[in-house]
Amino acid sequence: MTDPRILARRFETERPRLRAIATKLLGSADDAADAVQETWLRLQHSDADGIDNLGAWLTTVVSRVSLDLLRAPRRTRERSWQVEPWRDEPIAVSADPAELTAQSDQVSVALLILLETLSPAERIAFVLHDIFDQPFDEIAIVLDRSPDAARQLASRARRRVRDADEPPRPSRERGRRIVEAWLAAAQDGNIGALLALLDDGAVLHADYGTTTHFVEGARSIAEQAVLSGRLAAHSVPILIDGRPGVAAVMNARVVSIMSFDIEGDRIVELEVLADPKRLEALGVHEIINA
């Protein structure tokens, strides 16, 4: 395994699985990419000939890197931008954790919400065992604890996830109503209707890839929305990280997505992603047309 080309091919074979593990552990595609890259760097600097089971070794390393990130002082994380089609019925988050993990993509957002209630060690034990079916003796190595302690962490995490409450969010019906009212007002250039939907202190963050844009205050945001009325006319409701959102589709291509943070009946924050590379990486077009 000393040939760098063979090692690189072996790693690329494992990369999708490592990325899936890191994404579930960290709740962020960007953080997961960093963790996987760090795992590759550590592999390059290791004694590869001494690794008996490369898959298990890589799982341990990417989990340890993720654990370090989870334990680090809380830093500002980018929104994970997990996009889902807007379904008629809300996703249940009160089901048994085993049911959540079995339903894969449909519950990814709900599960990540619940994982935020866990300590880093509980999160590692629960995700590796209940989602990726890793044995407790391997999880114990990641956590530097005994297998019995790892088993107890997973059990405690399972109970906490089952008993956790989802953070308060607007009902799907109310969120959909606000999103549709926003799109209609933007298309019509109706500043008054937009102001009625916005909190006075609302803010808007936009990421265009090469530049970012920040708008503060209801009137400034409403005026910006009117200028973007053509995009509103070609937008469809979606869910972003479980929150109300829209995707603007022009010439059969998703050009931007925008999430709405709503308190009561007012929009308090809007986040726009219009970076073409990130939108392509997220696969938004395929998701909304699935």
C-alpha atoms as a PDB file:
ATOM      1  CA  MET A   1       0.000   0.000   0.000  1.00  0.00           C
ATOM      2  CA  THR A   2       3.079   2.232  -0.088  1.00  0.00           C
ATOM      3  CA  ASP A   3       2.413   3.315  -3.691  1.00  0.00           C
ATOM      4  CA  PRO A   4       0.821   6.800  -3.314  1.00  0.00           C
ATOM      5  CA  ARG A   5      -1.405   6.225  -6.330  1.00  0.00           C
ATOM      6  CA  ILE A   6      -2.858   3.019  -4.905  1.00  0.00           C
ATOM      7  CA  LEU A   7      -3.366   4.705  -1.539  1.00  0.00           C
ATOM      8  CA  ALA A   8      -5.137   7.630  -3.205  1.00  0.00           C
ATOM      9  CA  ARG A   9      -7.450   5.276  -5.115  1.00  0.00           C
ATOM     10  CA  ARG A  10      -8.270   3.370  -1.938  1.00  0.00           C
ATOM     11  CA  PHE A  11      -9.067   6.624  -0.174  1.00  0.00           C
ATOM     12  CA  GLU A  12     -11.292   7.874  -3.010  1.00  0.00           C
ATOM     13  CA  THR A  13     -13.261   4.631  -2.749  1.00  0.00           C
ATOM     14  CA  GLU A  14     -13.851   5.360   0.940  1.00  0.00           C
ATOM     15  CA  ARG A  15     -14.491   9.101   0.521  1.00  0.00           C
ATOM     16  CA  PRO A  16     -18.318   8.975   0.055  1.00  0.00           C
ATOM     17  CA  ARG A  17     -18.726   6.909   3.239  1.00  0.00           C
ATOM     18  CA  LEU A  18     -16.378   9.168   5.205  1.00  0.00           C
ATOM     19  CA  ARG A  19     -18.221  12.249   3.973  1.00  0.00           C
ATOM     20  CA  ALA A  20     -21.555  10.738   5.022  1.00  0.00           C
ATOM     21  CA  ILE A  21     -20.225   9.997   8.511  1.00  0.00           C
ATOM     22  CA  ALA A  22     -18.723  13.473   8.949  1.00  0.00           C
ATOM     23  CA  THR A  23     -21.864  15.185   7.655  1.00  0.00           C
ATOM     24  CA  LYS A  24     -24.073  13.344  10.135  1.00  0.00           C
ATOM     25  CA  LEU A  25     -21.653  14.068  12.979  1.00  0.00           C
ATOM     26  CA  LEU A  26     -21.118  17.750  12.182  1.00  0.00           C
ATOM     27  CA  GLY A  27     -24.376  18.767  10.508  1.00  0.00           C
ATOM     28  CA  SER A  28     -22.526  20.794   7.878  1.00  0.00           C
ATOM     29  CA  ALA A  29     -21.365  19.770   4.416  1.00  0.00           C
ATOM     30  CA  ASP A  30     -18.515  22.296   4.545  1.00  0.00           C
ATOM     31  CA  ASP A  31     -17.286  21.101   7.949  1.00  0.00           C
ATOM     32  CA  ALA A  32     -17.577  17.510   6.744  1.00  0.00           C
ATOM     33  CA  ALA A  33     -15.443  18.282   3.696  1.00  0.00           C
ATOM     34  CA  ASP A  34     -12.797  19.792   5.986  1.00  0.00           C
ATOM     35  CA  ALA A  35     -12.862  16.700   8.226  1.00  0.00           C
ATOM     36  CA  VAL A  36     -12.472  14.337   5.261  1.00  0.00           C
ATOM     37  CA  GLN A  37      -9.599  16.395   3.860  1.00  0.00           C
ATOM     38  CA  GLU A  38      -7.852  16.334   7.245  1.00  0.00           C
ATOM     39  CA  THR A  39      -8.319  12.556   7.309  1.00  0.00           C
ATOM     40  CA  TRP A  40      -6.589  12.279   3.930  1.00  0.00           C
ATOM     41  CA  LEU A  41      -3.696  14.432   5.154  1.00  0.00           C
ATOM     42  CA  ARG A  42      -3.268  12.222   8.213  1.00  0.00           C
ATOM     43  CA  LEU A  43      -3.302   9.119   6.037  1.00  0.00           C
ATOM     44  CA  GLN A  44      -0.568  10.584   3.858  1.00  0.00           C
ATOM     45  CA  HIS A  45       1.612  11.153   6.925  1.00  0.00           C
ATOM     46  CA  SER A  46       0.928   7.735   8.471  1.00  0.00           C
ATOM     47  CA  ASP A  47       2.653   4.393   8.127  1.00  0.00           C
ATOM     48  CA  ALA A  48       0.175   2.963   5.636  1.00  0.00           C
ATOM     49  CA  ASP A  49       1.875  -0.441   5.613  1.00  0.00           C
ATOM     50  CA  GLY A  50       1.017  -0.801   9.295  1.00  0.00           C
ATOM     51  CA  ILE A  51      -2.723  -0.341   8.731  1.00  0.00           C
ATOM     52  CA  ASP A  52      -4.475  -3.729   8.713  1.00  0.00           C
ATOM     53  CA  ASN A  53      -7.977  -2.457   7.995  1.00  0.00           C
ATOM     54  CA  LEU A  54      -7.953   0.804   6.054  1.00  0.00           C
ATOM     55  CA  GLY A  55     -11.731   1.320   6.224  1.00  0.00           C
ATOM     56  CA  ALA A  56     -11.819   0.993   9.999  1.00  0.00           C
ATOM     57  CA  TRP A  57      -8.735   3.210  10.357  1.00  0.00           C
ATOM     58  CA  LEU A  58     -10.273   5.954   8.232  1.00  0.00           C
ATOM     59  CA  THR A  59     -13.567   5.742  10.128  1.00  0.00           C
ATOM     60  CA  THR A  60     -11.706   6.188  13.404  1.00  0.00           C
ATOM     61  CA  VAL A  61      -9.694   9.143  12.134  1.00  0.00           C
ATOM     62  CA  VAL A  62     -12.601  11.039  10.520  1.00  0.00           C
ATOM     63  CA  SER A  63     -14.635  10.471  13.684  1.00  0.00           C
ATOM     64  CA  ARG A  64     -11.819  11.788  15.878  1.00  0.00           C
ATOM     65  CA  VAL A  65     -11.390  14.839  13.659  1.00  0.00           C
ATOM     66  CA  SER A  66     -15.147  15.451  13.853  1.00  0.00           C
ATOM     67  CA  LEU A  67     -15.059  15.012  17.620  1.00  0.00           C
ATOM     68  CA  ASP A  68     -12.321  17.658  17.872  1.00  0.00           C
ATOM     69  CA  LEU A  69     -14.475  20.047  15.838  1.00  0.00           C
ATOM     70  CA  LEU A  70     -17.519  19.371  18.018  1.00  0.00           C
ATOM     71  CA  ARG A  71     -15.507  19.958  21.181  1.00  0.00           C
ATOM     72  CA  ALA A  72     -13.870  23.143  19.900  1.00  0.00           C
ATOM     73  CA  PRO A  73     -15.139  26.492  21.220  1.00  0.00           C
ATOM     74  CA  ARG A  74     -18.378  27.235  19.460  1.00  0.00           C
ATOM     75  CA  ARG A  75     -17.642  28.968  16.195  1.00  0.00           C
ATOM     76  CA  THR A  76     -19.939  30.438  13.637  1.00  0.00           C
ATOM     77  CA  ARG A  77     -20.949  27.655  11.316  1.00  0.00           C
ATOM     78  CA  GLU A  78     -22.336  28.186   7.859  1.00  0.00           C
ATOM     79  CA  ARG A  79     -25.888  27.091   7.311  1.00  0.00           C
ATOM     80  CA  SER A  80     -25.776  23.560   5.983  1.00  0.00           C
ATOM     81  CA  TRP A  81     -28.312  24.406   3.220  1.00  0.00           C
ATOM     82  CA  GLN A  82     -30.025  21.030   3.285  1.00  0.00           C
ATOM     83  CA  VAL A  83     -32.743  21.369   0.681  1.00  0.00           C
ATOM     84  CA  GLU A  84     -35.943  19.330   0.538  1.00  0.00           C
ATOM     85  CA  PRO A  85     -39.037  19.548  -1.636  1.00  0.00           C
ATOM     86  CA  TRP A  86     -41.919  21.142   0.253  1.00  0.00           C
ATOM     87  CA  ARG A  87     -44.139  18.264   1.320  1.00  0.00           C
ATOM     88  CA  ASP A  88     -47.775  18.526   2.322  1.00  0.00           C
ATOM     89  CA  GLU A  89     -47.203  16.901   5.709  1.00  0.00           C
ATOM     90  CA  PRO A  90     -44.474  17.890   8.172  1.00  0.00           C
ATOM     91  CA  ILE A  91     -41.773  15.391   8.988  1.00  0.00           C
ATOM     92  CA  ALA A  92     -42.344  13.820  12.383  1.00  0.00           C
ATOM     93  CA  VAL A  93     -39.441  14.282  14.797  1.00  0.00           C
ATOM     94  CA  SER A  94     -40.971  12.428  17.746  1.00  0.00           C
ATOM     95  CA  ALA A  95     -40.469   8.942  16.290  1.00  0.00           C
ATOM     96  CA  ASP A  96     -38.101   6.394  17.750  1.00  0.00           C
ATOM     97  CA  PRO A  97     -34.473   7.195  16.783  1.00  0.00           C
ATOM     98  CA  ALA A  98     -34.163   3.835  15.043  1.00  0.00           C
ATOM     99  CA  GLU A  99     -37.075   4.795  12.795  1.00  0.00           C
ATOM    100  CA  LEU A 100     -35.485   8.162  12.045  1.00  0.00           C
ATOM    101  CA  THR A 101     -32.177   6.625  11.017  1.00  0.00           C
ATOM    102  CA  ALA A 102     -33.932   4.056   8.838  1.00  0.00           C
ATOM    103  CA  GLN A 103     -35.751   6.708   6.779  1.00  0.00           C
ATOM    104  CA  SER A 104     -32.501   8.301   5.508  1.00  0.00           C
ATOM    105  CA  ASP A 105     -32.871  11.469   3.418  1.00  0.00           C
ATOM    106  CA  GLN A 106     -36.470  12.247   4.391  1.00  0.00           C
ATOM    107  CA  VAL A 107     -35.547  12.772   8.026  1.00  0.00           C
ATOM    108  CA  SER A 108     -31.995  14.119   7.741  1.00  0.00           C
ATOM    109  CA  VAL A 109     -32.997  17.610   8.827  1.00  0.00           C
ATOM    110  CA  ALA A 110     -35.171  16.377  11.696  1.00  0.00           C
ATOM    111  CA  LEU A 111     -32.419  14.075  12.936  1.00  0.00           C
ATOM    112  CA  LEU A 112     -29.788  16.826  12.823  1.00  0.00           C
ATOM    113  CA  ILE A 113     -32.056  19.066  14.882  1.00  0.00           C
ATOM    114  CA  LEU A 114     -32.265  16.372  17.541  1.00  0.00           C
ATOM    115  CA  LEU A 115     -28.532  15.617  17.449  1.00  0.00           C
ATOM    116  CA  GLU A 116     -27.873  19.215  18.505  1.00  0.00           C
ATOM    117  CA  THR A 117     -29.209  18.263  21.942  1.00  0.00           C
ATOM    118  CA  LEU A 118     -26.376  15.767  22.525  1.00  0.00           C
ATOM    119  CA  SER A 119     -22.901  16.198  23.942  1.00  0.00           C
ATOM    120  CA  PRO A 120     -20.050  15.558  21.443  1.00  0.00           C
ATOM    121  CA  ALA A 121     -19.314  12.115  22.914  1.00  0.00           C
ATOM    122  CA  GLU A 122     -23.001  11.119  22.898  1.00  0.00           C
ATOM    123  CA  ARG A 123     -23.357  12.305  19.335  1.00  0.00           C
ATOM    124  CA  ILE A 124     -20.342  10.287  18.189  1.00  0.00           C
ATOM    125  CA  ALA A 125     -21.532   7.114  19.942  1.00  0.00           C
ATOM    126  CA  PHE A 126     -25.124   7.428  18.679  1.00  0.00           C
ATOM    127  CA  VAL A 127     -24.287   8.284  15.063  1.00  0.00           C
ATOM    128  CA  LEU A 128     -21.542   5.702  14.628  1.00  0.00           C
ATOM    129  CA  HIS A 129     -23.546   2.888  16.220  1.00  0.00           C
ATOM    130  CA  ASP A 130     -27.187   3.588  15.371  1.00  0.00           C
ATOM    131  CA  ILE A 131     -26.671   5.075  11.914  1.00  0.00           C
ATOM    132  CA  PHE A 132     -23.452   3.486  10.635  1.00  0.00           C
ATOM    133  CA  ASP A 133     -23.585   0.245  12.630  1.00  0.00           C
ATOM    134  CA  GLN A 134     -20.055   0.552  14.008  1.00  0.00           C
ATOM    135  CA  PRO A 135     -19.233  -1.876  16.858  1.00  0.00           C
ATOM    136  CA  PHE A 136     -18.710  -0.401  20.300  1.00  0.00           C
ATOM    137  CA  ASP A 137     -15.112  -1.595  20.538  1.00  0.00           C
ATOM    138  CA  GLU A 138     -14.259   0.633  17.550  1.00  0.00           C
ATOM    139  CA  ILE A 139     -16.311   3.540  18.907  1.00  0.00           C
ATOM    140  CA  ALA A 140     -14.445   3.165  22.204  1.00  0.00           C
ATOM    141  CA  ILE A 141     -11.157   3.823  20.382  1.00  0.00           C
ATOM    142  CA  VAL A 142     -12.545   7.051  18.902  1.00  0.00           C
ATOM    143  CA  LEU A 143     -13.756   8.276  22.288  1.00  0.00           C
ATOM    144  CA  ASP A 144     -10.805   6.880  24.271  1.00  0.00           C
ATOM    145  CA  ARG A 145     -13.228   5.073  26.576  1.00  0.00           C
ATOM    146  CA  SER A 146     -14.169   1.480  27.295  1.00  0.00           C
ATOM    147  CA  PRO A 147     -16.681  -0.346  25.056  1.00  0.00           C
ATOM    148  CA  ASP A 148     -19.136  -0.420  27.964  1.00  0.00           C
ATOM    149  CA  ALA A 149     -18.827   3.347  28.400  1.00  0.00           C
ATOM    150  CA  ALA A 150     -19.388   3.851  24.664  1.00  0.00           C
ATOM    151  CA  ARG A 151     -22.478   1.631  24.862  1.00  0.00           C
ATOM    152  CA  GLN A 152     -23.828   3.698  27.762  1.00  0.00           C
ATOM    153  CA  LEU A 153     -23.219   6.924  25.843  1.00  0.00           C
ATOM    154  CA  ALA A 154     -25.185   5.610  22.868  1.00  0.00           C
ATOM    155  CA  SER A 155     -28.002   4.441  25.123  1.00  0.00           C
ATOM    156  CA  ARG A 156     -28.174   7.798  26.889  1.00  0.00           C
ATOM    157  CA  ALA A 157     -28.090   9.613  23.541  1.00  0.00           C
ATOM    158  CA  ARG A 158     -30.910   7.425  22.267  1.00  0.00           C
ATOM    159  CA  ARG A 159     -33.076   8.366  25.239  1.00  0.00           C
ATOM    160  CA  ARG A 160     -32.262  12.065  24.906  1.00  0.00           C
ATOM    161  CA  VAL A 161     -33.045  12.081  21.195  1.00  0.00           C
ATOM    162  CA  ARG A 162     -36.346  10.296  21.851  1.00  0.00           C
ATOM    163  CA  ASP A 163     -37.326  12.784  24.555  1.00  0.00           C
ATOM    164  CA  ALA A 164     -36.004  15.932  22.871  1.00  0.00           C
ATOM    165  CA  ASP A 165     -38.295  18.688  21.718  1.00  0.00           C
ATOM    166  CA  GLU A 166     -37.802  20.233  18.314  1.00  0.00           C
ATOM    167  CA  PRO A 167     -36.895  23.934  18.531  1.00  0.00           C
ATOM    168  CA  PRO A 168     -39.986  26.089  18.037  1.00  0.00           C
ATOM    169  CA  ARG A 169     -40.679  26.843  14.415  1.00  0.00           C
ATOM    170  CA  PRO A 170     -43.606  28.261  12.502  1.00  0.00           C
ATOM    171  CA  SER A 171     -46.178  25.727  11.434  1.00  0.00           C
ATOM    172  CA  ARG A 172     -45.791  24.490   7.877  1.00  0.00           C
ATOM    173  CA  GLU A 173     -49.141  26.013   6.954  1.00  0.00           C
ATOM    174  CA  ARG A 174     -48.245  29.456   8.303  1.00  0.00           C
ATOM    175  CA  GLY A 175     -44.754  29.309   6.838  1.00  0.00           C
ATOM    176  CA  ARG A 176     -46.132  28.393   3.419  1.00  0.00           C
ATOM    177  CA  ARG A 177     -48.662  31.210   3.616  1.00  0.00           C
ATOM    178  CA  ILE A 178     -45.935  33.755   4.427  1.00  0.00           C
ATOM    179  CA  VAL A 179     -43.656  32.509   1.645  1.00  0.00           C
ATOM    180  CA  GLU A 180     -46.429  32.679  -0.945  1.00  0.00           C
ATOM    181  CA  ALA A 181     -47.452  36.148   0.252  1.00  0.00           C
ATOM    182  CA  TRP A 182     -43.819  37.246  -0.049  1.00  0.00           C
ATOM    183  CA  LEU A 183     -43.501  35.961  -3.616  1.00  0.00           C
ATOM    184  CA  ALA A 184     -46.783  37.575  -4.663  1.00  0.00           C
ATOM    185  CA  ALA A 185     -45.858  40.946  -3.118  1.00  0.00           C
ATOM    186  CA  ALA A 186     -42.388  40.896  -4.687  1.00  0.00           C
ATOM    187  CA  GLN A 187     -43.818  40.111  -8.137  1.00  0.00           C
ATOM    188  CA  ASP A 188     -46.391  42.903  -7.809  1.00  0.00           C
ATOM    189  CA  GLY A 189     -43.855  45.401  -6.490  1.00  0.00           C
ATOM    190  CA  ASN A 190     -46.075  45.892  -3.435  1.00  0.00           C
ATOM    191  CA  ILE A 191     -43.795  47.546  -0.866  1.00  0.00           C
ATOM    192  CA  GLY A 192     -46.617  47.845   1.674  1.00  0.00           C
ATOM    193  CA  ALA A 193     -47.378  44.125   1.596  1.00  0.00           C
ATOM    194  CA  LEU A 194     -43.696  43.270   1.956  1.00  0.00           C
ATOM    195  CA  LEU A 195     -43.334  45.613   4.926  1.00  0.00           C
ATOM    196  CA  ALA A 196     -46.316  43.911   6.566  1.00  0.00           C
ATOM    197  CA  LEU A 197     -44.460  40.595   6.340  1.00  0.00           C
ATOM    198  CA  LEU A 198     -41.112  41.876   7.652  1.00  0.00           C
ATOM    199  CA  ASP A 199     -40.006  42.570  11.210  1.00  0.00           C
ATOM    200  CA  ASP A 200     -38.704  46.131  11.542  1.00  0.00           C
ATOM    201  CA  GLY A 201     -35.261  44.836  12.465  1.00  0.00           C
ATOM    202  CA  ALA A 202     -35.111  42.140   9.790  1.00  0.00           C
ATOM    203  CA  VAL A 203     -31.791  41.385   8.114  1.00  0.00           C
ATOM    204  CA  LEU A 204     -30.797  39.761   4.827  1.00  0.00           C
ATOM    205  CA  HIS A 205     -27.515  37.963   4.122  1.00  0.00           C
ATOM    206  CA  ALA A 206     -26.624  36.989   0.552  1.00  0.00           C
ATOM    207  CA  ASP A 207     -23.709  34.865  -0.660  1.00  0.00           C
ATOM    208  CA  TYR A 208     -22.893  35.187  -4.359  1.00  0.00           C
ATOM    209  CA  GLY A 209     -19.686  33.170  -4.207  1.00  0.00           C
ATOM    210  CA  THR A 210     -17.225  35.930  -5.063  1.00  0.00           C
ATOM    211  CA  THR A 211     -19.050  38.555  -2.982  1.00  0.00           C
ATOM    212  CA  THR A 212     -21.470  38.784  -0.072  1.00  0.00           C
ATOM    213  CA  HIS A 213     -24.226  41.297   0.594  1.00  0.00           C
ATOM    214  CA  PHE A 214     -25.880  42.425   3.824  1.00  0.00           C
ATOM    215  CA  VAL A 215     -29.134  44.389   4.059  1.00  0.00           C
ATOM    216  CA  GLU A 216     -30.624  45.611   7.330  1.00  0.00           C
ATOM    217  CA  GLY A 217     -34.100  46.995   8.000  1.00  0.00           C
ATOM    218  CA  ALA A 218     -37.535  46.141   6.648  1.00  0.00           C
ATOM    219  CA  ARG A 219     -37.762  48.926   4.071  1.00  0.00           C
ATOM    220  CA  SER A 220     -34.342  48.272   2.561  1.00  0.00           C
ATOM    221  CA  ILE A 221     -35.121  44.575   2.281  1.00  0.00           C
ATOM    222  CA  ALA A 222     -38.554  45.263   0.764  1.00  0.00           C
ATOM    223  CA  GLU A 223     -36.999  47.536  -1.844  1.00  0.00           C
ATOM    224  CA  GLN A 224     -34.430  44.868  -2.658  1.00  0.00           C
ATOM    225  CA  ALA A 225     -37.230  42.303  -3.037  1.00  0.00           C
ATOM    226  CA  VAL A 226     -39.074  44.523  -5.519  1.00  0.00           C
ATOM    227  CA  LEU A 227     -35.904  44.810  -7.597  1.00  0.00           C
ATOM    228  CA  SER A 228     -35.763  41.008  -7.610  1.00  0.00           C
ATOM    229  CA  GLY A 229     -39.399  40.626  -8.624  1.00  0.00           C
ATOM    230  CA  ARG A 230     -38.490  38.694 -11.775  1.00  0.00           C
ATOM    231  CA  LEU A 231     -36.769  36.054  -9.644  1.00  0.00           C
ATOM    232  CA  ALA A 232     -39.837  35.836  -7.411  1.00  0.00           C
ATOM    233  CA  ALA A 233     -41.973  35.133 -10.480  1.00  0.00           C
ATOM    234  CA  HIS A 234     -39.816  32.076 -11.190  1.00  0.00           C
ATOM    235  CA  SER A 235     -39.488  30.799  -7.620  1.00  0.00           C
ATOM    236  CA  VAL A 236     -40.895  27.656  -6.035  1.00  0.00           C
ATOM    237  CA  PRO A 237     -41.326  26.952  -2.295  1.00  0.00           C
ATOM    238  CA  ILE A 238     -38.819  24.526  -0.768  1.00  0.00           C
ATOM    239  CA  LEU A 239     -37.549  23.650   2.709  1.00  0.00           C
ATOM    240  CA  ILE A 240     -34.019  24.640   3.721  1.00  0.00           C
ATOM    241  CA  ASP A 241     -32.719  23.057   6.912  1.00  0.00           C
ATOM    242  CA  GLY A 242     -36.385  22.396   7.716  1.00  0.00           C
ATOM    243  CA  ARG A 243     -37.285  26.083   7.394  1.00  0.00           C
ATOM    244  CA  PRO A 244     -39.462  27.776   4.776  1.00  0.00           C
ATOM    245  CA  GLY A 245     -37.560  28.727   1.654  1.00  0.00           C
ATOM    246  CA  VAL A 246     -37.720  29.310  -2.077  1.00  0.00           C
ATOM    247  CA  ALA A 247     -35.641  28.315  -5.091  1.00  0.00           C
ATOM    248  CA  ALA A 248     -35.438  30.657  -8.089  1.00  0.00           C
ATOM    249  CA  VAL A 249     -35.335  28.728 -11.367  1.00  0.00           C
ATOM    250  CA  MET A 250     -34.371  30.528 -14.574  1.00  0.00           C
ATOM    251  CA  ASN A 251     -33.908  28.755 -17.906  1.00  0.00           C
ATOM    252  CA  ALA A 252     -34.203  25.358 -16.195  1.00  0.00           C
ATOM    253  CA  ARG A 253     -31.368  26.238 -13.789  1.00  0.00           C
ATOM    254  CA  VAL A 254     -31.541  27.030 -10.065  1.00  0.00           C
ATOM    255  CA  VAL A 255     -29.900  30.451  -9.729  1.00  0.00           C
ATOM    256  CA  SER A 256     -30.519  31.045  -6.020  1.00  0.00           C
ATOM    257  CA  ILE A 257     -32.185  29.705  -2.907  1.00  0.00           C
ATOM    258  CA  MET A 258     -33.445  31.773   0.030  1.00  0.00           C
ATOM    259  CA  SER A 259     -34.449  30.702   3.537  1.00  0.00           C
ATOM    260  CA  PHE A 260     -36.928  32.505   5.795  1.00  0.00           C
ATOM    261  CA  ASP A 261     -36.518  32.711   9.576  1.00  0.00           C
ATOM    262  CA  ILE A 262     -39.960  33.546  10.946  1.00  0.00           C
ATOM    263  CA  GLU A 263     -41.027  34.589  14.431  1.00  0.00           C
ATOM    264  CA  GLY A 264     -44.761  34.826  14.935  1.00  0.00           C
ATOM    265  CA  ASP A 265     -46.059  36.157  11.635  1.00  0.00           C
ATOM    266  CA  ARG A 266     -43.012  38.245  10.756  1.00  0.00           C
ATOM    267  CA  ILE A 267     -39.869  37.462   8.811  1.00  0.00           C
ATOM    268  CA  VAL A 268     -36.829  38.294  10.965  1.00  0.00           C
ATOM    269  CA  GLU A 269     -34.031  37.008   8.735  1.00  0.00           C
ATOM    270  CA  LEU A 270     -33.483  36.019   5.129  1.00  0.00           C
ATOM    271  CA  GLU A 271     -30.454  34.105   3.858  1.00  0.00           C
ATOM    272  CA  VAL A 272     -29.696  33.859   0.157  1.00  0.00           C
ATOM    273  CA  LEU A 273     -27.286  31.451  -1.522  1.00  0.00           C
ATOM    274  CA  ALA A 274     -26.527  32.388  -5.131  1.00  0.00           C
ATOM    275  CA  ASP A 275     -23.066  30.866  -5.487  1.00  0.00           C
ATOM    276  CA  PRO A 276     -23.316  28.737  -8.683  1.00  0.00           C
ATOM    277  CA  LYS A 277     -20.653  26.255  -7.556  1.00  0.00           C
ATOM    278  CA  ARG A 278     -22.250  25.628  -4.181  1.00  0.00           C
ATOM    279  CA  LEU A 279     -25.729  25.343  -5.687  1.00  0.00           C
ATOM    280  CA  GLU A 280     -24.438  22.745  -8.134  1.00  0.00           C
ATOM    281  CA  ALA A 281     -22.666  20.861  -5.349  1.00  0.00           C
ATOM    282  CA  LEU A 282     -25.875  20.812  -3.303  1.00  0.00           C
ATOM    283  CA  GLY A 283     -27.780  19.295  -6.224  1.00  0.00           C
ATOM    284  CA  VAL A 284     -30.752  21.623  -5.656  1.00  0.00           C
ATOM    285  CA  HIS A 285     -32.138  21.224  -9.180  1.00  0.00           C
ATOM    286  CA  GLU A 286     -32.211  17.439  -8.891  1.00  0.00           C
ATOM    287  CA  ILE A 287     -33.802  17.595  -5.424  1.00  0.00           C
ATOM    288  CA  ILE A 288     -36.688  19.902  -6.341  1.00  0.00           C
ATOM    289  CA  ASN A 289     -37.403  17.924  -9.495  1.00  0.00           C
ATOM    290  CA  ALA A 290     -37.216  14.510  -7.863  1.00  0.00           C
END
